[in-house]
Amino acid sequence: QVQLVESGGGLVQPGGSLRLSCAVSGLALDTYAIGWFRQAPGKEREGVSCIDDSDNGSYYADSVKGRFTISRDNAKNTVLLQMNNLKPEDTAVYYCVAGQPILSALRLSSAYNYWGQGTQVAVSS
């Protein structure tokens, strides 16, 4: 059984940082693309950052480039998202995902088979 469990969300002031973590079980993470999506109230789900199985191809939403960094630890089956200089518009539920998309589909939510339950990030003063 595949499970993805996110942690690390919370309330932070604008300009602050958070590190999201996703513990993955039931699959060999080094053979999967991984990523983070988010959904804010009243908005569509959007891709935040994704990286392919070899860590050679990556995607970052324009709104987070230079502020967010995705990484993985295959030995620990963990996916991380370091978020710096957070803004109120980053407020959303963040979801960890795993799948085997082709490179051109890396940013598409439909390309990912496995999803976590989500963790809430709130950026507010």
PDB file of N, CA and C in Angstrom:
ATOM      1  N   GLN A   1       0.841  -1.192   0.000  1.00  0.00           N
ATOM      2  CA  GLN A   1       0.000   0.000   0.000  1.00  0.00           C
ATOM      3  C   GLN A   1       0.884   1.253   0.000  1.00  0.00           C
ATOM      4  N   VAL A   2       0.626   2.126  -0.922  1.00  0.00           N
ATOM      5  CA  VAL A   2       1.414   3.350  -1.040  1.00  0.00           C
ATOM      6  C   VAL A   2       0.810   4.427  -0.144  1.00  0.00           C
ATOM      7  N   GLN A   3       1.677   5.077   0.624  1.00  0.00           N
ATOM      8  CA  GLN A   3       1.228   6.184   1.463  1.00  0.00           C
ATOM      9  C   GLN A   3       2.184   7.356   1.344  1.00  0.00           C
ATOM     10  N   LEU A   4       1.601   8.549   1.272  1.00  0.00           N
ATOM     11  CA  LEU A   4       2.367   9.786   1.300  1.00  0.00           C
ATOM     12  C   LEU A   4       1.803  10.620   2.443  1.00  0.00           C
ATOM     13  N   VAL A   5       2.653  10.992   3.381  1.00  0.00           N
ATOM     14  CA  VAL A   5       2.192  11.716   4.560  1.00  0.00           C
ATOM     15  C   VAL A   5       2.995  13.002   4.697  1.00  0.00           C
ATOM     16  N   GLU A   6       2.296  14.132   4.540  1.00  0.00           N
ATOM     17  CA  GLU A   6       2.950  15.436   4.635  1.00  0.00           C
ATOM     18  C   GLU A   6       3.010  15.923   6.080  1.00  0.00           C
ATOM     19  N   SER A   7       4.006  16.758   6.345  1.00  0.00           N
ATOM     20  CA  SER A   7       4.114  17.437   7.632  1.00  0.00           C
ATOM     21  C   SER A   7       4.879  18.739   7.413  1.00  0.00           C
ATOM     22  N   GLY A   8       4.843  19.601   8.432  1.00  0.00           N
ATOM     23  CA  GLY A   8       5.617  20.826   8.381  1.00  0.00           C
ATOM     24  C   GLY A   8       4.834  22.084   8.073  1.00  0.00           C
ATOM     25  N   GLY A   9       3.545  21.935   7.792  1.00  0.00           N
ATOM     26  CA  GLY A   9       2.744  23.122   7.534  1.00  0.00           C
ATOM     27  C   GLY A   9       2.485  23.894   8.812  1.00  0.00           C
ATOM     28  N   GLY A  10       1.886  25.083   8.664  1.00  0.00           N
ATOM     29  CA  GLY A  10       1.569  25.889   9.824  1.00  0.00           C
ATOM     30  C   GLY A  10       1.344  27.335   9.446  1.00  0.00           C
ATOM     31  N   LEU A  11       1.329  28.163  10.477  1.00  0.00           N
ATOM     32  CA  LEU A  11       1.122  29.600  10.302  1.00  0.00           C
ATOM     33  C   LEU A  11       2.469  30.315  10.392  1.00  0.00           C
ATOM     34  N   VAL A  12       2.745  31.166   9.430  1.00  0.00           N
ATOM     35  CA  VAL A  12       4.009  31.894   9.416  1.00  0.00           C
ATOM     36  C   VAL A  12       3.756  33.312   8.935  1.00  0.00           C
ATOM     37  N   GLN A  13       4.574  34.241   9.381  1.00  0.00           N
ATOM     38  CA  GLN A  13       4.429  35.631   8.964  1.00  0.00           C
ATOM     39  C   GLN A  13       5.031  35.823   7.564  1.00  0.00           C
ATOM     40  N   PRO A  14       4.560  36.832   6.848  1.00  0.00           N
ATOM     41  CA  PRO A  14       5.175  37.128   5.539  1.00  0.00           C
ATOM     42  C   PRO A  14       6.679  37.322   5.677  1.00  0.00           C
ATOM     43  N   GLY A  15       7.401  36.755   4.723  1.00  0.00           N
ATOM     44  CA  GLY A  15       8.854  36.814   4.781  1.00  0.00           C
ATOM     45  C   GLY A  15       9.489  35.649   5.509  1.00  0.00           C
ATOM     46  N   GLY A  16       8.678  34.855   6.171  1.00  0.00           N
ATOM     47  CA  GLY A  16       9.194  33.721   6.925  1.00  0.00           C
ATOM     48  C   GLY A  16       9.429  32.490   6.057  1.00  0.00           C
ATOM     49  N   SER A  17       9.848  31.417   6.699  1.00  0.00           N
ATOM     50  CA  SER A  17      10.174  30.179   5.995  1.00  0.00           C
ATOM     51  C   SER A  17       9.478  28.984   6.643  1.00  0.00           C
ATOM     52  N   LEU A  18       9.227  27.990   5.818  1.00  0.00           N
ATOM     53  CA  LEU A  18       8.737  26.702   6.283  1.00  0.00           C
ATOM     54  C   LEU A  18       9.387  25.615   5.446  1.00  0.00           C
ATOM     55  N   ARG A  19       9.533  24.453   6.027  1.00  0.00           N
ATOM     56  CA  ARG A  19      10.000  23.305   5.271  1.00  0.00           C
ATOM     57  C   ARG A  19       8.966  22.197   5.370  1.00  0.00           C
ATOM     58  N   LEU A  20       8.393  21.854   4.237  1.00  0.00           N
ATOM     59  CA  LEU A  20       7.433  20.762   4.190  1.00  0.00           C
ATOM     60  C   LEU A  20       8.177  19.451   3.944  1.00  0.00           C
ATOM     61  N   SER A  21       7.697  18.411   4.589  1.00  0.00           N
ATOM     62  CA  SER A  21       8.284  17.096   4.432  1.00  0.00           C
ATOM     63  C   SER A  21       7.194  16.103   4.059  1.00  0.00           C
ATOM     64  N   CYS A  22       7.552  15.135   3.245  1.00  0.00           N
ATOM     65  CA  CYS A  22       6.599  14.103   2.833  1.00  0.00           C
ATOM     66  C   CYS A  22       7.265  12.748   2.997  1.00  0.00           C
ATOM     67  N   ALA A  23       6.731  11.933   3.889  1.00  0.00           N
ATOM     68  CA  ALA A  23       7.231  10.573   4.096  1.00  0.00           C
ATOM     69  C   ALA A  23       6.485   9.632   3.164  1.00  0.00           C
ATOM     70  N   VAL A  24       7.239   8.928   2.339  1.00  0.00           N
ATOM     71  CA  VAL A  24       6.653   8.048   1.328  1.00  0.00           C
ATOM     72  C   VAL A  24       6.934   6.590   1.687  1.00  0.00           C
ATOM     73  N   SER A  25       5.926   5.763   1.602  1.00  0.00           N
ATOM     74  CA  SER A  25       6.101   4.330   1.829  1.00  0.00           C
ATOM     75  C   SER A  25       5.359   3.544   0.758  1.00  0.00           C
ATOM     76  N   GLY A  26       5.849   2.341   0.514  1.00  0.00           N
ATOM     77  CA  GLY A  26       5.165   1.459  -0.435  1.00  0.00           C
ATOM     78  C   GLY A  26       5.629   1.567  -1.866  1.00  0.00           C
ATOM     79  N   LEU A  27       6.615   2.399  -2.145  1.00  0.00           N
ATOM     80  CA  LEU A  27       7.159   2.460  -3.496  1.00  0.00           C
ATOM     81  C   LEU A  27       8.629   2.863  -3.432  1.00  0.00           C
ATOM     82  N   ALA A  28       9.348   2.530  -4.501  1.00  0.00           N
ATOM     83  CA  ALA A  28      10.761   2.883  -4.581  1.00  0.00           C
ATOM     84  C   ALA A  28      10.865   4.306  -5.118  1.00  0.00           C
ATOM     85  N   LEU A  29      11.117   5.245  -4.234  1.00  0.00           N
ATOM     86  CA  LEU A  29      11.034   6.657  -4.590  1.00  0.00           C
ATOM     87  C   LEU A  29      11.988   7.033  -5.718  1.00  0.00           C
ATOM     88  N   ASP A  30      13.115   6.326  -5.828  1.00  0.00           N
ATOM     89  CA  ASP A  30      14.094   6.711  -6.845  1.00  0.00           C
ATOM     90  C   ASP A  30      13.639   6.358  -8.272  1.00  0.00           C
ATOM     91  N   THR A  31      12.506   5.701  -8.409  1.00  0.00           N
ATOM     92  CA  THR A  31      11.964   5.402  -9.738  1.00  0.00           C
ATOM     93  C   THR A  31      10.735   6.244 -10.063  1.00  0.00           C
ATOM     94  N   TYR A  32      10.472   7.241  -9.223  1.00  0.00           N
ATOM     95  CA  TYR A  32       9.289   8.071  -9.395  1.00  0.00           C
ATOM     96  C   TYR A  32       9.635   9.549  -9.468  1.00  0.00           C
ATOM     97  N   ALA A  33       8.885  10.255 -10.289  1.00  0.00           N
ATOM     98  CA  ALA A  33       8.888  11.712 -10.210  1.00  0.00           C
ATOM     99  C   ALA A  33       8.113  12.102  -8.957  1.00  0.00           C
ATOM    100  N   ILE A  34       8.527  13.192  -8.344  1.00  0.00           N
ATOM    101  CA  ILE A  34       7.856  13.658  -7.128  1.00  0.00           C
ATOM    102  C   ILE A  34       7.565  15.143  -7.263  1.00  0.00           C
ATOM    103  N   GLY A  35       6.647  15.605  -6.458  1.00  0.00           N
ATOM    104  CA  GLY A  35       6.320  17.018  -6.558  1.00  0.00           C
ATOM    105  C   GLY A  35       5.391  17.496  -5.477  1.00  0.00           C
ATOM    106  N   TRP A  36       5.096  18.778  -5.570  1.00  0.00           N
ATOM    107  CA  TRP A  36       4.167  19.427  -4.649  1.00  0.00           C
ATOM    108  C   TRP A  36       3.165  20.238  -5.459  1.00  0.00           C
ATOM    109  N   PHE A  37       1.908  20.079  -5.108  1.00  0.00           N
ATOM    110  CA  PHE A  37       0.830  20.897  -5.654  1.00  0.00           C
ATOM    111  C   PHE A  37       0.172  21.637  -4.504  1.00  0.00           C
ATOM    112  N   ARG A  38      -0.576  22.663  -4.817  1.00  0.00           N
ATOM    113  CA  ARG A  38      -1.299  23.387  -3.768  1.00  0.00           C
ATOM    114  C   ARG A  38      -2.648  23.835  -4.270  1.00  0.00           C
ATOM    115  N   GLN A  39      -3.539  24.048  -3.320  1.00  0.00           N
ATOM    116  CA  GLN A  39      -4.868  24.555  -3.652  1.00  0.00           C
ATOM    117  C   GLN A  39      -5.310  25.532  -2.587  1.00  0.00           C
ATOM    118  N   ALA A  40      -5.579  26.742  -3.014  1.00  0.00           N
ATOM    119  CA  ALA A  40      -6.090  27.785  -2.125  1.00  0.00           C
ATOM    120  C   ALA A  40      -7.612  27.807  -2.214  1.00  0.00           C
ATOM    121  N   PRO A  41      -8.277  28.308  -1.181  1.00  0.00           N
ATOM    122  CA  PRO A  41      -9.753  28.373  -1.207  1.00  0.00           C
ATOM    123  C   PRO A  41     -10.268  29.114  -2.437  1.00  0.00           C
ATOM    124  N   GLY A  42     -11.182  28.498  -3.153  1.00  0.00           N
ATOM    125  CA  GLY A  42     -11.777  29.138  -4.311  1.00  0.00           C
ATOM    126  C   GLY A  42     -10.922  29.154  -5.555  1.00  0.00           C
ATOM    127  N   LYS A  43      -9.774  28.498  -5.488  1.00  0.00           N
ATOM    128  CA  LYS A  43      -8.879  28.487  -6.642  1.00  0.00           C
ATOM    129  C   LYS A  43      -8.624  27.061  -7.109  1.00  0.00           C
ATOM    130  N   GLU A  44      -8.166  26.943  -8.339  1.00  0.00           N
ATOM    131  CA  GLU A  44      -7.833  25.628  -8.871  1.00  0.00           C
ATOM    132  C   GLU A  44      -6.507  25.138  -8.289  1.00  0.00           C
ATOM    133  N   ARG A  45      -6.382  23.817  -8.271  1.00  0.00           N
ATOM    134  CA  ARG A  45      -5.131  23.235  -7.827  1.00  0.00           C
ATOM    135  C   ARG A  45      -4.030  23.595  -8.820  1.00  0.00           C
ATOM    136  N   GLU A  46      -2.847  23.899  -8.324  1.00  0.00           N
ATOM    137  CA  GLU A  46      -1.752  24.260  -9.219  1.00  0.00           C
ATOM    138  C   GLU A  46      -0.462  23.555  -8.810  1.00  0.00           C
ATOM    139  N   GLY A  47       0.363  23.291  -9.790  1.00  0.00           N
ATOM    140  CA  GLY A  47       1.662  22.698  -9.536  1.00  0.00           C
ATOM    141  C   GLY A  47       2.603  23.742  -8.967  1.00  0.00           C
ATOM    142  N   VAL A  48       3.288  23.386  -7.913  1.00  0.00           N
ATOM    143  CA  VAL A  48       4.249  24.277  -7.271  1.00  0.00           C
ATOM    144  C   VAL A  48       5.656  23.949  -7.752  1.00  0.00           C
ATOM    145  N   SER A  49       6.020  22.689  -7.584  1.00  0.00           N
ATOM    146  CA  SER A  49       7.343  22.251  -7.995  1.00  0.00           C
ATOM    147  C   SER A  49       7.340  20.741  -8.162  1.00  0.00           C
ATOM    148  N   CYS A  50       8.019  20.283  -9.209  1.00  0.00           N
ATOM    149  CA  CYS A  50       8.098  18.855  -9.478  1.00  0.00           C
ATOM    150  C   CYS A  50       9.492  18.543 -10.006  1.00  0.00           C
ATOM    151  N   ILE A  51       9.904  17.299  -9.802  1.00  0.00           N
ATOM    152  CA  ILE A  51      11.209  16.878 -10.289  1.00  0.00           C
ATOM    153  C   ILE A  51      11.115  15.435 -10.747  1.00  0.00           C
ATOM    154  N   ASP A  52      11.820  15.114 -11.834  1.00  0.00           N
ATOM    155  CA  ASP A  52      11.692  13.773 -12.391  1.00  0.00           C
ATOM    156  C   ASP A  52      12.498  12.752 -11.573  1.00  0.00           C
ATOM    157  N   ASP A  53      12.409  11.488 -11.978  1.00  0.00           N
ATOM    158  CA  ASP A  53      12.989  10.431 -11.159  1.00  0.00           C
ATOM    159  C   ASP A  53      14.503  10.504 -11.061  1.00  0.00           C
ATOM    160  N   SER A  54      15.155  11.078 -12.071  1.00  0.00           N
ATOM    161  CA  SER A  54      16.611  11.164 -12.054  1.00  0.00           C
ATOM    162  C   SER A  54      17.108  12.500 -11.531  1.00  0.00           C
ATOM    163  N   ASP A  55      16.174  13.363 -11.137  1.00  0.00           N
ATOM    164  CA  ASP A  55      16.504  14.718 -10.644  1.00  0.00           C
ATOM    165  C   ASP A  55      17.164  15.579 -11.720  1.00  0.00           C
ATOM    166  N   ASN A  56      16.960  15.223 -12.980  1.00  0.00           N
ATOM    167  CA  ASN A  56      17.538  16.016 -14.059  1.00  0.00           C
ATOM    168  C   ASN A  56      16.558  17.042 -14.614  1.00  0.00           C
ATOM    169  N   GLY A  57      15.270  16.736 -14.564  1.00  0.00           N
ATOM    170  CA  GLY A  57      14.256  17.656 -15.056  1.00  0.00           C
ATOM    171  C   GLY A  57      13.411  18.157 -13.907  1.00  0.00           C
ATOM    172  N   SER A  58      13.171  19.461 -13.882  1.00  0.00           N
ATOM    173  CA  SER A  58      12.386  20.021 -12.788  1.00  0.00           C
ATOM    174  C   SER A  58      11.451  21.101 -13.297  1.00  0.00           C
ATOM    175  N   TYR A  59      10.470  21.416 -12.482  1.00  0.00           N
ATOM    176  CA  TYR A  59       9.506  22.465 -12.790  1.00  0.00           C
ATOM    177  C   TYR A  59       9.259  23.278 -11.529  1.00  0.00           C
ATOM    178  N   TYR A  60       9.230  24.575 -11.689  1.00  0.00           N
ATOM    179  CA  TYR A  60       8.820  25.479 -10.616  1.00  0.00           C
ATOM    180  C   TYR A  60       7.803  26.456 -11.200  1.00  0.00           C
ATOM    181  N   ALA A  61       6.729  26.664 -10.499  1.00  0.00           N
ATOM    182  CA  ALA A  61       5.779  27.696 -10.897  1.00  0.00           C
ATOM    183  C   ALA A  61       6.477  29.054 -10.860  1.00  0.00           C
ATOM    184  N   ASP A  62       6.135  29.912 -11.778  1.00  0.00           N
ATOM    185  CA  ASP A  62       6.776  31.235 -11.837  1.00  0.00           C
ATOM    186  C   ASP A  62       6.659  31.975 -10.510  1.00  0.00           C
ATOM    187  N   SER A  63       5.553  31.769  -9.834  1.00  0.00           N
ATOM    188  CA  SER A  63       5.291  32.499  -8.594  1.00  0.00           C
ATOM    189  C   SER A  63       6.199  32.082  -7.444  1.00  0.00           C
ATOM    190  N   VAL A  64       6.881  30.924  -7.574  1.00  0.00           N
ATOM    191  CA  VAL A  64       7.726  30.457  -6.469  1.00  0.00           C
ATOM    192  C   VAL A  64       9.197  30.364  -6.838  1.00  0.00           C
ATOM    193  N   LYS A  65       9.537  30.629  -8.089  1.00  0.00           N
ATOM    194  CA  LYS A  65      10.935  30.539  -8.515  1.00  0.00           C
ATOM    195  C   LYS A  65      11.811  31.461  -7.684  1.00  0.00           C
ATOM    196  N   GLY A  66      12.942  30.930  -7.246  1.00  0.00           N
ATOM    197  CA  GLY A  66      13.860  31.710  -6.434  1.00  0.00           C
ATOM    198  C   GLY A  66      13.527  31.717  -4.954  1.00  0.00           C
ATOM    199  N   ARG A  67      12.350  31.185  -4.602  1.00  0.00           N
ATOM    200  CA  ARG A  67      11.939  31.156  -3.192  1.00  0.00           C
ATOM    201  C   ARG A  67      11.781  29.737  -2.660  1.00  0.00           C
ATOM    202  N   PHE A  68      11.329  28.822  -3.509  1.00  0.00           N
ATOM    203  CA  PHE A  68      11.069  27.444  -3.090  1.00  0.00           C
ATOM    204  C   PHE A  68      12.112  26.516  -3.715  1.00  0.00           C
ATOM    205  N   THR A  69      12.447  25.461  -2.979  1.00  0.00           N
ATOM    206  CA  THR A  69      13.372  24.449  -3.491  1.00  0.00           C
ATOM    207  C   THR A  69      12.847  23.055  -3.157  1.00  0.00           C
ATOM    208  N   ILE A  70      12.741  22.228  -4.172  1.00  0.00           N
ATOM    209  CA  ILE A  70      12.311  20.851  -3.961  1.00  0.00           C
ATOM    210  C   ILE A  70      13.534  19.944  -3.903  1.00  0.00           C
ATOM    211  N   SER A  71      13.455  18.922  -3.072  1.00  0.00           N
ATOM    212  CA  SER A  71      14.539  17.947  -2.999  1.00  0.00           C
ATOM    213  C   SER A  71      13.980  16.618  -2.527  1.00  0.00           C
ATOM    214  N   ARG A  72      14.796  15.593  -2.644  1.00  0.00           N
ATOM    215  CA  ARG A  72      14.389  14.277  -2.180  1.00  0.00           C
ATOM    216  C   ARG A  72      15.561  13.593  -1.490  1.00  0.00           C
ATOM    217  N   ASP A  73      15.224  12.685  -0.580  1.00  0.00           N
ATOM    218  CA  ASP A  73      16.213  11.811   0.038  1.00  0.00           C
ATOM    219  C   ASP A  73      15.713  10.390  -0.216  1.00  0.00           C
ATOM    220  N   ASN A  74      16.248   9.770  -1.259  1.00  0.00           N
ATOM    221  CA  ASN A  74      15.748   8.440  -1.638  1.00  0.00           C
ATOM    222  C   ASN A  74      16.020   7.393  -0.563  1.00  0.00           C
ATOM    223  N   ALA A  75      17.126   7.553   0.148  1.00  0.00           N
ATOM    224  CA  ALA A  75      17.460   6.579   1.191  1.00  0.00           C
ATOM    225  C   ALA A  75      16.418   6.613   2.311  1.00  0.00           C
ATOM    226  N   LYS A  76      15.876   7.800   2.566  1.00  0.00           N
ATOM    227  CA  LYS A  76      14.876   7.946   3.628  1.00  0.00           C
ATOM    228  C   LYS A  76      13.456   7.976   3.064  1.00  0.00           C
ATOM    229  N   ASN A  77      13.332   7.844   1.723  1.00  0.00           N
ATOM    230  CA  ASN A  77      12.013   7.919   1.082  1.00  0.00           C
ATOM    231  C   ASN A  77      11.251   9.175   1.501  1.00  0.00           C
ATOM    232  N   THR A  78      11.939  10.302   1.410  1.00  0.00           N
ATOM    233  CA  THR A  78      11.374  11.562   1.867  1.00  0.00           C
ATOM    234  C   THR A  78      11.480  12.616   0.769  1.00  0.00           C
ATOM    235  N   VAL A  79      10.433  13.411   0.658  1.00  0.00           N
ATOM    236  CA  VAL A  79      10.402  14.531  -0.278  1.00  0.00           C
ATOM    237  C   VAL A  79      10.304  15.822   0.538  1.00  0.00           C
ATOM    238  N   LEU A  80      11.088  16.813   0.168  1.00  0.00           N
ATOM    239  CA  LEU A  80      11.105  18.065   0.920  1.00  0.00           C
ATOM    240  C   LEU A  80      10.757  19.245   0.025  1.00  0.00           C
ATOM    241  N   LEU A  81      10.168  20.253   0.624  1.00  0.00           N
ATOM    242  CA  LEU A  81       9.946  21.527  -0.063  1.00  0.00           C
ATOM    243  C   LEU A  81      10.357  22.639   0.901  1.00  0.00           C
ATOM    244  N   GLN A  82      11.466  23.278   0.606  1.00  0.00           N
ATOM    245  CA  GLN A  82      11.915  24.419   1.392  1.00  0.00           C
ATOM    246  C   GLN A  82      11.276  25.671   0.826  1.00  0.00           C
ATOM    247  N   MET A  83      10.559  26.397   1.667  1.00  0.00           N
ATOM    248  CA  MET A  83       9.844  27.587   1.228  1.00  0.00           C
ATOM    249  C   MET A  83      10.372  28.794   1.990  1.00  0.00           C
ATOM    250  N   ASN A  84      10.962  29.726   1.278  1.00  0.00           N
ATOM    251  CA  ASN A  84      11.514  30.934   1.875  1.00  0.00           C
ATOM    252  C   ASN A  84      10.766  32.167   1.386  1.00  0.00           C
ATOM    253  N   ASN A  85      10.912  33.255   2.128  1.00  0.00           N
ATOM    254  CA  ASN A  85      10.269  34.522   1.759  1.00  0.00           C
ATOM    255  C   ASN A  85       8.792  34.308   1.413  1.00  0.00           C
ATOM    256  N   LEU A  86       8.104  33.668   2.316  1.00  0.00           N
ATOM    257  CA  LEU A  86       6.701  33.338   2.061  1.00  0.00           C
ATOM    258  C   LEU A  86       5.834  34.583   1.970  1.00  0.00           C
ATOM    259  N   LYS A  87       4.821  34.494   1.117  1.00  0.00           N
ATOM    260  CA  LYS A  87       3.903  35.604   0.876  1.00  0.00           C
ATOM    261  C   LYS A  87       2.477  35.161   1.204  1.00  0.00           C
ATOM    262  N   PRO A  88       1.592  36.088   1.498  1.00  0.00           N
ATOM    263  CA  PRO A  88       0.203  35.709   1.787  1.00  0.00           C
ATOM    264  C   PRO A  88      -0.423  34.875   0.669  1.00  0.00           C
ATOM    265  N   GLU A  89      -0.033  35.126  -0.562  1.00  0.00           N
ATOM    266  CA  GLU A  89      -0.599  34.370  -1.684  1.00  0.00           C
ATOM    267  C   GLU A  89      -0.094  32.930  -1.752  1.00  0.00           C
ATOM    268  N   ASP A  90       0.845  32.564  -0.896  1.00  0.00           N
ATOM    269  CA  ASP A  90       1.286  31.163  -0.797  1.00  0.00           C
ATOM    270  C   ASP A  90       0.367  30.347   0.109  1.00  0.00           C
ATOM    271  N   THR A  91      -0.573  31.008   0.753  1.00  0.00           N
ATOM    272  CA  THR A  91      -1.514  30.311   1.634  1.00  0.00           C
ATOM    273  C   THR A  91      -2.337  29.312   0.836  1.00  0.00           C
ATOM    274  N   ALA A  92      -2.290  28.045   1.262  1.00  0.00           N
ATOM    275  CA  ALA A  92      -2.975  26.975   0.547  1.00  0.00           C
ATOM    276  C   ALA A  92      -2.773  25.666   1.295  1.00  0.00           C
ATOM    277  N   VAL A  93      -3.486  24.651   0.858  1.00  0.00           N
ATOM    278  CA  VAL A  93      -3.182  23.284   1.274  1.00  0.00           C
ATOM    279  C   VAL A  93      -2.176  22.733   0.282  1.00  0.00           C
ATOM    280  N   TYR A  94      -1.091  22.194   0.795  1.00  0.00           N
ATOM    281  CA  TYR A  94      -0.015  21.674  -0.044  1.00  0.00           C
ATOM    282  C   TYR A  94      -0.058  20.148  -0.046  1.00  0.00           C
ATOM    283  N   TYR A  95       0.029  19.581  -1.239  1.00  0.00           N
ATOM    284  CA  TYR A  95      -0.052  18.143  -1.426  1.00  0.00           C
ATOM    285  C   TYR A  95       1.243  17.599  -2.019  1.00  0.00           C
ATOM    286  N   CYS A  96       1.705  16.518  -1.453  1.00  0.00           N
ATOM    287  CA  CYS A  96       2.849  15.786  -1.982  1.00  0.00           C
ATOM    288  C   CYS A  96       2.335  14.758  -2.985  1.00  0.00           C
ATOM    289  N   VAL A  97       3.067  14.587  -4.090  1.00  0.00           N
ATOM    290  CA  VAL A  97       2.623  13.651  -5.123  1.00  0.00           C
ATOM    291  C   VAL A  97       3.793  12.808  -5.612  1.00  0.00           C
ATOM    292  N   ALA A  98       3.457  11.650  -6.156  1.00  0.00           N
ATOM    293  CA  ALA A  98       4.455  10.782  -6.789  1.00  0.00           C
ATOM    294  C   ALA A  98       3.813  10.131  -8.012  1.00  0.00           C
ATOM    295  N   GLY A  99       4.603   9.985  -9.070  1.00  0.00           N
ATOM    296  CA  GLY A  99       4.079   9.381 -10.285  1.00  0.00           C
ATOM    297  C   GLY A  99       5.188   9.130 -11.276  1.00  0.00           C
ATOM    298  N   GLN A 100       4.790   8.748 -12.473  1.00  0.00           N
ATOM    299  CA  GLN A 100       5.775   8.456 -13.519  1.00  0.00           C
ATOM    300  C   GLN A 100       5.400   9.139 -14.825  1.00  0.00           C
ATOM    301  N   PRO A 101       5.301  10.469 -14.787  1.00  0.00           N
ATOM    302  CA  PRO A 101       4.950  11.203 -16.001  1.00  0.00           C
ATOM    303  C   PRO A 101       6.133  11.316 -16.958  1.00  0.00           C
ATOM    304  N   ILE A 102       5.829  11.552 -18.230  1.00  0.00           N
ATOM    305  CA  ILE A 102       6.894  11.932 -19.141  1.00  0.00           C
ATOM    306  C   ILE A 102       7.321  13.356 -18.787  1.00  0.00           C
ATOM    307  N   LEU A 103       8.492  13.756 -19.213  1.00  0.00           N
ATOM    308  CA  LEU A 103       9.061  15.028 -18.781  1.00  0.00           C
ATOM    309  C   LEU A 103       8.161  16.205 -19.110  1.00  0.00           C
ATOM    310  N   SER A 104       7.534  16.154 -20.274  1.00  0.00           N
ATOM    311  CA  SER A 104       6.690  17.274 -20.690  1.00  0.00           C
ATOM    312  C   SER A 104       5.417  17.379 -19.862  1.00  0.00           C
ATOM    313  N   ALA A 105       5.090  16.337 -19.115  1.00  0.00           N
ATOM    314  CA  ALA A 105       3.869  16.343 -18.311  1.00  0.00           C
ATOM    315  C   ALA A 105       4.162  16.538 -16.836  1.00  0.00           C
ATOM    316  N   LEU A 106       5.381  16.902 -16.528  1.00  0.00           N
ATOM    317  CA  LEU A 106       5.816  16.974 -15.125  1.00  0.00           C
ATOM    318  C   LEU A 106       4.934  17.891 -14.283  1.00  0.00           C
ATOM    319  N   ARG A 107       4.402  18.946 -14.885  1.00  0.00           N
ATOM    320  CA  ARG A 107       3.649  19.933 -14.134  1.00  0.00           C
ATOM    321  C   ARG A 107       2.155  19.615 -14.033  1.00  0.00           C
ATOM    322  N   LEU A 108       1.729  18.541 -14.641  1.00  0.00           N
ATOM    323  CA  LEU A 108       0.296  18.246 -14.712  1.00  0.00           C
ATOM    324  C   LEU A 108      -0.157  17.353 -13.561  1.00  0.00           C
ATOM    325  N   SER A 109      -1.185  17.768 -12.864  1.00  0.00           N
ATOM    326  CA  SER A 109      -1.683  16.977 -11.731  1.00  0.00           C
ATOM    327  C   SER A 109      -2.192  15.612 -12.180  1.00  0.00           C
ATOM    328  N   SER A 110      -2.705  15.545 -13.392  1.00  0.00           N
ATOM    329  CA  SER A 110      -3.236  14.279 -13.896  1.00  0.00           C
ATOM    330  C   SER A 110      -2.157  13.235 -14.119  1.00  0.00           C
ATOM    331  N   ALA A 111      -0.895  13.641 -14.104  1.00  0.00           N
ATOM    332  CA  ALA A 111       0.208  12.721 -14.353  1.00  0.00           C
ATOM    333  C   ALA A 111       0.643  11.956 -13.113  1.00  0.00           C
ATOM    334  N   TYR A 112       0.076  12.283 -11.970  1.00  0.00           N
ATOM    335  CA  TYR A 112       0.527  11.700 -10.709  1.00  0.00           C
ATOM    336  C   TYR A 112      -0.518  10.752 -10.140  1.00  0.00           C
ATOM    337  N   ASN A 113      -0.064   9.528  -9.851  1.00  0.00           N
ATOM    338  CA  ASN A 113      -0.964   8.503  -9.337  1.00  0.00           C
ATOM    339  C   ASN A 113      -1.211   8.627  -7.836  1.00  0.00           C
ATOM    340  N   TYR A 114      -0.193   9.089  -7.123  1.00  0.00           N
ATOM    341  CA  TYR A 114      -0.242   9.016  -5.672  1.00  0.00           C
ATOM    342  C   TYR A 114      -0.200  10.417  -5.058  1.00  0.00           C
ATOM    343  N   TRP A 115      -1.113  10.633  -4.113  1.00  0.00           N
ATOM    344  CA  TRP A 115      -1.271  11.932  -3.461  1.00  0.00           C
ATOM    345  C   TRP A 115      -1.334  11.759  -1.950  1.00  0.00           C
ATOM    346  N   GLY A 116      -0.744  12.718  -1.235  1.00  0.00           N
ATOM    347  CA  GLY A 116      -0.921  12.760   0.203  1.00  0.00           C
ATOM    348  C   GLY A 116      -2.228  13.440   0.564  1.00  0.00           C
ATOM    349  N   GLN A 117      -2.490  13.537   1.854  1.00  0.00           N
ATOM    350  CA  GLN A 117      -3.725  14.143   2.341  1.00  0.00           C
ATOM    351  C   GLN A 117      -3.662  15.660   2.397  1.00  0.00           C
ATOM    352  N   GLY A 118      -2.458  16.200   2.368  1.00  0.00           N
ATOM    353  CA  GLY A 118      -2.303  17.649   2.362  1.00  0.00           C
ATOM    354  C   GLY A 118      -1.920  18.204   3.723  1.00  0.00           C
ATOM    355  N   THR A 119      -1.214  19.325   3.688  1.00  0.00           N
ATOM    356  CA  THR A 119      -0.873  20.051   4.911  1.00  0.00           C
ATOM    357  C   THR A 119      -1.132  21.529   4.670  1.00  0.00           C
ATOM    358  N   GLN A 120      -1.719  22.189   5.663  1.00  0.00           N
ATOM    359  CA  GLN A 120      -2.122  23.587   5.509  1.00  0.00           C
ATOM    360  C   GLN A 120      -0.946  24.519   5.762  1.00  0.00           C
ATOM    361  N   VAL A 121      -0.761  25.459   4.856  1.00  0.00           N
ATOM    362  CA  VAL A 121       0.209  26.544   5.035  1.00  0.00           C
ATOM    363  C   VAL A 121      -0.558  27.849   5.019  1.00  0.00           C
ATOM    364  N   ALA A 122      -0.371  28.648   6.051  1.00  0.00           N
ATOM    365  CA  ALA A 122      -1.029  29.948   6.147  1.00  0.00           C
ATOM    366  C   ALA A 122       0.035  31.011   6.368  1.00  0.00           C
ATOM    367  N   VAL A 123       0.018  32.031   5.519  1.00  0.00           N
ATOM    368  CA  VAL A 123       0.979  33.122   5.627  1.00  0.00           C
ATOM    369  C   VAL A 123       0.208  34.395   5.932  1.00  0.00           C
ATOM    370  N   SER A 124       0.402  34.897   7.135  1.00  0.00           N
ATOM    371  CA  SER A 124      -0.378  36.049   7.569  1.00  0.00           C
ATOM    372  C   SER A 124       0.337  36.756   8.707  1.00  0.00           C
ATOM    373  N   SER A 125       0.142  38.066   8.759  1.00  0.00           N
ATOM    374  CA  SER A 125       0.703  38.830   9.865  1.00  0.00           C
ATOM    375  C   SER A 125      -0.327  38.975  10.983  1.00  0.00           C
TER     376      SER A 125
END
